[in-house]
Amino acid sequence: MPAQANPTPTSTPPVPLPQWQSSTAPYFNPQTPSTLSTYLSDSGSLAKATQLTPGEHLTQSTFYLAKEDKYDWEKPP
């Protein structure tokens, strides 16, 4: 009996996260508040494509922000 080939995986392998400031990275401009919804949507799509857990997604959510914006998002109220 011939050896069976490995079965094809049923799920798509995760894609790598884009580098910070790459053309495919989520982008938020605090001077243009309307970019927030696009940033959050793009971030969510990336989390799904890279198969992040909800906790990883939350941790990753500020990765693409500028340093000063990241500080503003992460500081306690």
PDB file of N, CA and C in Angstrom:
ATOM      1  N   MET A   1       0.852  -1.175   0.000  1.00  0.00           N
ATOM      2  CA  MET A   1       0.000   0.000   0.000  1.00  0.00           C
ATOM      3  C   MET A   1       0.897   1.237   0.000  1.00  0.00           C
ATOM      4  N   PRO A   2       0.700   2.174  -0.970  1.00  0.00           N
ATOM      5  CA  PRO A   2       1.549   3.370  -1.015  1.00  0.00           C
ATOM      6  C   PRO A   2       1.270   4.295   0.158  1.00  0.00           C
ATOM      7  N   ALA A   3       2.295   5.037   0.545  1.00  0.00           N
ATOM      8  CA  ALA A   3       2.148   5.999   1.642  1.00  0.00           C
ATOM      9  C   ALA A   3       1.236   7.132   1.201  1.00  0.00           C
ATOM     10  N   GLN A   4       0.378   7.541   2.124  1.00  0.00           N
ATOM     11  CA  GLN A   4      -0.537   8.645   1.821  1.00  0.00           C
ATOM     12  C   GLN A   4       0.197   9.974   1.946  1.00  0.00           C
ATOM     13  N   ALA A   5      -0.112  10.862   1.049  1.00  0.00           N
ATOM     14  CA  ALA A   5       0.426  12.223   1.150  1.00  0.00           C
ATOM     15  C   ALA A   5      -0.236  12.917   2.325  1.00  0.00           C
ATOM     16  N   ASN A   6       0.444  13.904   2.872  1.00  0.00           N
ATOM     17  CA  ASN A   6      -0.151  14.659   3.973  1.00  0.00           C
ATOM     18  C   ASN A   6      -1.444  15.292   3.505  1.00  0.00           C
ATOM     19  N   PRO A   7      -2.495  15.191   4.314  1.00  0.00           N
ATOM     20  CA  PRO A   7      -3.754  15.818   3.913  1.00  0.00           C
ATOM     21  C   PRO A   7      -3.610  17.337   3.866  1.00  0.00           C
ATOM     22  N   THR A   8      -4.379  17.946   3.009  1.00  0.00           N
ATOM     23  CA  THR A   8      -4.385  19.397   2.894  1.00  0.00           C
ATOM     24  C   THR A   8      -5.034  19.989   4.136  1.00  0.00           C
ATOM     25  N   PRO A   9      -4.372  20.976   4.758  1.00  0.00           N
ATOM     26  CA  PRO A   9      -4.991  21.581   5.943  1.00  0.00           C
ATOM     27  C   PRO A   9      -6.322  22.232   5.579  1.00  0.00           C
ATOM     28  N   THR A  10      -7.255  22.160   6.526  1.00  0.00           N
ATOM     29  CA  THR A  10      -8.585  22.716   6.271  1.00  0.00           C
ATOM     30  C   THR A  10      -8.645  24.217   6.547  1.00  0.00           C
ATOM     31  N   SER A  11      -7.674  24.735   7.300  1.00  0.00           N
ATOM     32  CA  SER A  11      -7.685  26.167   7.578  1.00  0.00           C
ATOM     33  C   SER A  11      -6.494  26.833   6.889  1.00  0.00           C
ATOM     34  N   THR A  12      -6.642  28.100   6.658  1.00  0.00           N
ATOM     35  CA  THR A  12      -5.595  28.867   6.015  1.00  0.00           C
ATOM     36  C   THR A  12      -4.520  29.201   7.042  1.00  0.00           C
ATOM     37  N   PRO A  13      -3.243  29.027   6.699  1.00  0.00           N
ATOM     38  CA  PRO A  13      -2.198  29.386   7.667  1.00  0.00           C
ATOM     39  C   PRO A  13      -2.193  30.895   7.917  1.00  0.00           C
ATOM     40  N   PRO A  14      -1.765  31.306   9.105  1.00  0.00           N
ATOM     41  CA  PRO A  14      -1.756  32.737   9.400  1.00  0.00           C
ATOM     42  C   PRO A  14      -0.785  33.489   8.492  1.00  0.00           C
ATOM     43  N   VAL A  15      -1.112  34.718   8.203  1.00  0.00           N
ATOM     44  CA  VAL A  15      -0.215  35.580   7.442  1.00  0.00           C
ATOM     45  C   VAL A  15       0.622  36.375   8.445  1.00  0.00           C
ATOM     46  N   PRO A  16       1.835  36.768   8.080  1.00  0.00           N
ATOM     47  CA  PRO A  16       2.632  37.571   9.021  1.00  0.00           C
ATOM     48  C   PRO A  16       2.084  38.990   9.129  1.00  0.00           C
ATOM     49  N   LEU A  17       2.295  39.584  10.271  1.00  0.00           N
ATOM     50  CA  LEU A  17       1.896  40.982  10.464  1.00  0.00           C
ATOM     51  C   LEU A  17       2.800  41.886   9.633  1.00  0.00           C
ATOM     52  N   PRO A  18       2.247  42.937   9.043  1.00  0.00           N
ATOM     53  CA  PRO A  18       3.097  43.873   8.294  1.00  0.00           C
ATOM     54  C   PRO A  18       4.005  44.662   9.237  1.00  0.00           C
ATOM     55  N   GLN A  19       5.107  45.124   8.720  1.00  0.00           N
ATOM     56  CA  GLN A  19       6.027  45.961   9.486  1.00  0.00           C
ATOM     57  C   GLN A  19       5.362  47.298   9.792  1.00  0.00           C
ATOM     58  N   TRP A  20       5.791  47.909  10.884  1.00  0.00           N
ATOM     59  CA  TRP A  20       5.291  49.227  11.268  1.00  0.00           C
ATOM     60  C   TRP A  20       5.567  50.198  10.138  1.00  0.00           C
ATOM     61  N   GLN A  21       4.631  51.006   9.781  1.00  0.00           N
ATOM     62  CA  GLN A  21       4.673  52.018   8.720  1.00  0.00           C
ATOM     63  C   GLN A  21       4.815  51.436   7.317  1.00  0.00           C
ATOM     64  N   SER A  22       4.551  50.142   7.136  1.00  0.00           N
ATOM     65  CA  SER A  22       4.527  49.608   5.778  1.00  0.00           C
ATOM     66  C   SER A  22       3.213  50.034   5.126  1.00  0.00           C
ATOM     67  N   SER A  23       3.146  49.913   3.832  1.00  0.00           N
ATOM     68  CA  SER A  23       1.933  50.348   3.125  1.00  0.00           C
ATOM     69  C   SER A  23       0.715  49.497   3.472  1.00  0.00           C
ATOM     70  N   THR A  24       0.934  48.304   4.021  1.00  0.00           N
ATOM     71  CA  THR A  24      -0.188  47.424   4.375  1.00  0.00           C
ATOM     72  C   THR A  24      -0.533  47.468   5.862  1.00  0.00           C
ATOM     73  N   ALA A  25       0.182  48.264   6.628  1.00  0.00           N
ATOM     74  CA  ALA A  25      -0.081  48.378   8.068  1.00  0.00           C
ATOM     75  C   ALA A  25      -1.264  49.309   8.319  1.00  0.00           C
ATOM     76  N   PRO A  26      -2.041  49.057   9.378  1.00  0.00           N
ATOM     77  CA  PRO A  26      -3.122  49.984   9.731  1.00  0.00           C
ATOM     78  C   PRO A  26      -2.539  51.377  10.011  1.00  0.00           C
ATOM     79  N   TYR A  27      -3.322  52.395   9.702  1.00  0.00           N
ATOM     80  CA  TYR A  27      -2.843  53.772   9.860  1.00  0.00           C
ATOM     81  C   TYR A  27      -3.895  54.615  10.568  1.00  0.00           C
ATOM     82  N   PHE A  28      -3.443  55.360  11.579  1.00  0.00           N
ATOM     83  CA  PHE A  28      -4.314  56.293  12.289  1.00  0.00           C
ATOM     84  C   PHE A  28      -3.618  57.646  12.357  1.00  0.00           C
ATOM     85  N   ASN A  29      -4.338  58.689  11.988  1.00  0.00           N
ATOM     86  CA  ASN A  29      -3.839  60.054  12.075  1.00  0.00           C
ATOM     87  C   ASN A  29      -4.724  60.794  13.073  1.00  0.00           C
ATOM     88  N   PRO A  30      -4.187  61.150  14.254  1.00  0.00           N
ATOM     89  CA  PRO A  30      -5.018  61.825  15.253  1.00  0.00           C
ATOM     90  C   PRO A  30      -5.528  63.189  14.799  1.00  0.00           C
ATOM     91  N   GLN A  31      -4.917  63.758  13.774  1.00  0.00           N
ATOM     92  CA  GLN A  31      -5.389  65.027  13.232  1.00  0.00           C
ATOM     93  C   GLN A  31      -6.618  64.839  12.340  1.00  0.00           C
ATOM     94  N   THR A  32      -6.857  63.586  11.956  1.00  0.00           N
ATOM     95  CA  THR A  32      -8.008  63.246  11.124  1.00  0.00           C
ATOM     96  C   THR A  32      -8.777  62.125  11.835  1.00  0.00           C
ATOM     97  N   PRO A  33      -9.649  62.474  12.773  1.00  0.00           N
ATOM     98  CA  PRO A  33     -10.345  61.470  13.580  1.00  0.00           C
ATOM     99  C   PRO A  33     -11.084  60.405  12.771  1.00  0.00           C
ATOM    100  N   SER A  34     -11.489  60.746  11.560  1.00  0.00           N
ATOM    101  CA  SER A  34     -12.211  59.759  10.749  1.00  0.00           C
ATOM    102  C   SER A  34     -11.345  58.549  10.402  1.00  0.00           C
ATOM    103  N   THR A  35     -10.026  58.642  10.550  1.00  0.00           N
ATOM    104  CA  THR A  35      -9.158  57.500  10.259  1.00  0.00           C
ATOM    105  C   THR A  35      -9.219  56.436  11.363  1.00  0.00           C
ATOM    106  N   LEU A  36      -9.827  56.783  12.513  1.00  0.00           N
ATOM    107  CA  LEU A  36      -9.908  55.829  13.620  1.00  0.00           C
ATOM    108  C   LEU A  36     -10.710  54.592  13.243  1.00  0.00           C
ATOM    109  N   SER A  37     -11.874  54.764  12.635  1.00  0.00           N
ATOM    110  CA  SER A  37     -12.697  53.598  12.289  1.00  0.00           C
ATOM    111  C   SER A  37     -11.986  52.711  11.271  1.00  0.00           C
ATOM    112  N   THR A  38     -11.270  53.315  10.329  1.00  0.00           N
ATOM    113  CA  THR A  38     -10.506  52.526   9.355  1.00  0.00           C
ATOM    114  C   THR A  38      -9.374  51.788  10.051  1.00  0.00           C
ATOM    115  N   TYR A  39      -8.687  52.467  10.968  1.00  0.00           N
ATOM    116  CA  TYR A  39      -7.598  51.840  11.727  1.00  0.00           C
ATOM    117  C   TYR A  39      -8.112  50.620  12.484  1.00  0.00           C
ATOM    118  N   LEU A  40      -9.214  50.784  13.192  1.00  0.00           N
ATOM    119  CA  LEU A  40      -9.772  49.683  13.978  1.00  0.00           C
ATOM    120  C   LEU A  40     -10.239  48.535  13.080  1.00  0.00           C
ATOM    121  N   SER A  41     -10.853  48.859  11.967  1.00  0.00           N
ATOM    122  CA  SER A  41     -11.294  47.837  11.025  1.00  0.00           C
ATOM    123  C   SER A  41     -10.102  47.086  10.433  1.00  0.00           C
ATOM    124  N   ASP A  42      -9.089  47.831  10.005  1.00  0.00           N
ATOM    125  CA  ASP A  42      -7.891  47.197   9.438  1.00  0.00           C
ATOM    126  C   ASP A  42      -7.172  46.349  10.478  1.00  0.00           C
ATOM    127  N   SER A  43      -7.118  46.848  11.695  1.00  0.00           N
ATOM    128  CA  SER A  43      -6.482  46.095  12.786  1.00  0.00           C
ATOM    129  C   SER A  43      -7.235  44.790  13.049  1.00  0.00           C
ATOM    130  N   GLY A  44      -8.556  44.852  13.033  1.00  0.00           N
ATOM    131  CA  GLY A  44      -9.367  43.653  13.223  1.00  0.00           C
ATOM    132  C   GLY A  44      -9.183  42.652  12.098  1.00  0.00           C
ATOM    133  N   SER A  45      -9.106  43.139  10.880  1.00  0.00           N
ATOM    134  CA  SER A  45      -8.877  42.251   9.735  1.00  0.00           C
ATOM    135  C   SER A  45      -7.518  41.571   9.832  1.00  0.00           C
ATOM    136  N   LEU A  46      -6.510  42.333  10.247  1.00  0.00           N
ATOM    137  CA  LEU A  46      -5.177  41.746  10.421  1.00  0.00           C
ATOM    138  C   LEU A  46      -5.179  40.690  11.519  1.00  0.00           C
ATOM    139  N   ALA A  47      -5.857  40.978  12.610  1.00  0.00           N
ATOM    140  CA  ALA A  47      -5.917  40.021  13.715  1.00  0.00           C
ATOM    141  C   ALA A  47      -6.538  38.712  13.254  1.00  0.00           C
ATOM    142  N   LYS A  48      -7.566  38.807  12.435  1.00  0.00           N
ATOM    143  CA  LYS A  48      -8.216  37.608  11.917  1.00  0.00           C
ATOM    144  C   LYS A  48      -7.286  36.860  10.955  1.00  0.00           C
ATOM    145  N   ALA A  49      -6.650  37.593  10.038  1.00  0.00           N
ATOM    146  CA  ALA A  49      -5.772  36.976   9.045  1.00  0.00           C
ATOM    147  C   ALA A  49      -4.532  36.340   9.679  1.00  0.00           C
ATOM    148  N   THR A  50      -4.048  36.943  10.754  1.00  0.00           N
ATOM    149  CA  THR A  50      -2.868  36.405  11.421  1.00  0.00           C
ATOM    150  C   THR A  50      -3.231  35.424  12.530  1.00  0.00           C
ATOM    151  N   GLN A  51      -4.540  35.213  12.704  1.00  0.00           N
ATOM    152  CA  GLN A  51      -5.083  34.260  13.671  1.00  0.00           C
ATOM    153  C   GLN A  51      -4.645  34.573  15.107  1.00  0.00           C
ATOM    154  N   LEU A  52      -4.727  35.870  15.458  1.00  0.00           N
ATOM    155  CA  LEU A  52      -4.415  36.284  16.820  1.00  0.00           C
ATOM    156  C   LEU A  52      -5.571  35.927  17.748  1.00  0.00           C
ATOM    157  N   THR A  53      -5.241  35.589  18.978  1.00  0.00           N
ATOM    158  CA  THR A  53      -6.273  35.397  19.989  1.00  0.00           C
ATOM    159  C   THR A  53      -6.814  36.781  20.355  1.00  0.00           C
ATOM    160  N   PRO A  54      -7.968  36.856  21.018  1.00  0.00           N
ATOM    161  CA  PRO A  54      -8.467  38.175  21.440  1.00  0.00           C
ATOM    162  C   PRO A  54      -7.455  38.935  22.305  1.00  0.00           C
ATOM    163  N   GLY A  55      -6.766  38.250  23.195  1.00  0.00           N
ATOM    164  CA  GLY A  55      -5.757  38.910  24.032  1.00  0.00           C
ATOM    165  C   GLY A  55      -4.591  39.433  23.219  1.00  0.00           C
ATOM    166  N   GLU A  56      -4.133  38.644  22.250  1.00  0.00           N
ATOM    167  CA  GLU A  56      -3.047  39.083  21.375  1.00  0.00           C
ATOM    168  C   GLU A  56      -3.492  40.274  20.534  1.00  0.00           C
ATOM    169  N   HIS A  57      -4.745  40.236  20.083  1.00  0.00           N
ATOM    170  CA  HIS A  57      -5.272  41.350  19.285  1.00  0.00           C
ATOM    171  C   HIS A  57      -5.294  42.625  20.116  1.00  0.00           C
ATOM    172  N   LEU A  58      -5.729  42.531  21.348  1.00  0.00           N
ATOM    173  CA  LEU A  58      -5.763  43.697  22.221  1.00  0.00           C
ATOM    174  C   LEU A  58      -4.353  44.249  22.436  1.00  0.00           C
ATOM    175  N   THR A  59      -3.405  43.370  22.708  1.00  0.00           N
ATOM    176  CA  THR A  59      -2.022  43.789  22.899  1.00  0.00           C
ATOM    177  C   THR A  59      -1.465  44.423  21.639  1.00  0.00           C
ATOM    178  N   GLN A  60      -1.796  43.870  20.490  1.00  0.00           N
ATOM    179  CA  GLN A  60      -1.289  44.324  19.204  1.00  0.00           C
ATOM    180  C   GLN A  60      -1.973  45.607  18.715  1.00  0.00           C
ATOM    181  N   SER A  61      -3.111  45.950  19.291  1.00  0.00           N
ATOM    182  CA  SER A  61      -3.934  47.043  18.753  1.00  0.00           C
ATOM    183  C   SER A  61      -3.246  48.400  18.709  1.00  0.00           C
ATOM    184  N   THR A  62      -2.240  48.633  19.544  1.00  0.00           N
ATOM    185  CA  THR A  62      -1.541  49.921  19.525  1.00  0.00           C
ATOM    186  C   THR A  62      -0.175  49.840  18.846  1.00  0.00           C
ATOM    187  N   PHE A  63       0.182  48.689  18.316  1.00  0.00           N
ATOM    188  CA  PHE A  63       1.508  48.486  17.723  1.00  0.00           C
ATOM    189  C   PHE A  63       1.807  49.464  16.595  1.00  0.00           C
ATOM    190  N   TYR A  64       0.822  49.795  15.787  1.00  0.00           N
ATOM    191  CA  TYR A  64       1.042  50.629  14.612  1.00  0.00           C
ATOM    192  C   TYR A  64       0.868  52.128  14.863  1.00  0.00           C
ATOM    193  N   LEU A  65       0.632  52.497  16.107  1.00  0.00           N
ATOM    194  CA  LEU A  65       0.477  53.921  16.438  1.00  0.00           C
ATOM    195  C   LEU A  65       1.834  54.585  16.633  1.00  0.00           C
ATOM    196  N   ALA A  66       1.886  55.893  16.392  1.00  0.00           N
ATOM    197  CA  ALA A  66       3.083  56.671  16.703  1.00  0.00           C
ATOM    198  C   ALA A  66       3.282  56.632  18.222  1.00  0.00           C
ATOM    199  N   LYS A  67       4.503  56.812  18.662  1.00  0.00           N
ATOM    200  CA  LYS A  67       4.848  56.701  20.084  1.00  0.00           C
ATOM    201  C   LYS A  67       3.947  57.549  20.978  1.00  0.00           C
ATOM    202  N   GLU A  68       3.743  58.812  20.610  1.00  0.00           N
ATOM    203  CA  GLU A  68       2.931  59.702  21.452  1.00  0.00           C
ATOM    204  C   GLU A  68       1.455  59.290  21.453  1.00  0.00           C
ATOM    205  N   ASP A  69       0.965  58.780  20.336  1.00  0.00           N
ATOM    206  CA  ASP A  69      -0.426  58.316  20.284  1.00  0.00           C
ATOM    207  C   ASP A  69      -0.590  57.034  21.097  1.00  0.00           C
ATOM    208  N   LYS A  70       0.397  56.157  21.015  1.00  0.00           N
ATOM    209  CA  LYS A  70       0.356  54.911  21.787  1.00  0.00           C
ATOM    210  C   LYS A  70       0.298  55.236  23.282  1.00  0.00           C
ATOM    211  N   TYR A  71       1.097  56.182  23.712  1.00  0.00           N
ATOM    212  CA  TYR A  71       1.085  56.597  25.112  1.00  0.00           C
ATOM    213  C   TYR A  71      -0.294  57.105  25.514  1.00  0.00           C
ATOM    214  N   ASP A  72      -0.888  57.935  24.677  1.00  0.00           N
ATOM    215  CA  ASP A  72      -2.221  58.477  24.981  1.00  0.00           C
ATOM    216  C   ASP A  72      -3.259  57.359  25.095  1.00  0.00           C
ATOM    217  N   TRP A  73      -3.178  56.346  24.241  1.00  0.00           N
ATOM    218  CA  TRP A  73      -4.144  55.250  24.260  1.00  0.00           C
ATOM    219  C   TRP A  73      -3.960  54.347  25.477  1.00  0.00           C
ATOM    220  N   GLU A  74      -2.713  54.170  25.895  1.00  0.00           N
ATOM    221  CA  GLU A  74      -2.412  53.180  26.936  1.00  0.00           C
ATOM    222  C   GLU A  74      -2.356  53.761  28.352  1.00  0.00           C
ATOM    223  N   LYS A  75      -2.286  55.088  28.510  1.00  0.00           N
ATOM    224  CA  LYS A  75      -2.192  55.656  29.865  1.00  0.00           C
ATOM    225  C   LYS A  75      -3.522  55.466  30.587  1.00  0.00           C
ATOM    226  N   PRO A  76      -3.446  55.273  31.894  1.00  0.00           N
ATOM    227  CA  PRO A  76      -4.697  55.141  32.669  1.00  0.00           C
ATOM    228  C   PRO A  76      -5.488  56.442  32.657  1.00  0.00           C
ATOM    229  N   PRO A  77      -6.809  56.343  32.796  1.00  0.00           N
ATOM    230  CA  PRO A  77      -7.656  57.553  32.774  1.00  0.00           C
ATOM    231  C   PRO A  77      -7.391  58.455  33.964  1.00  0.00           C
TER     232      PRO A  77
END
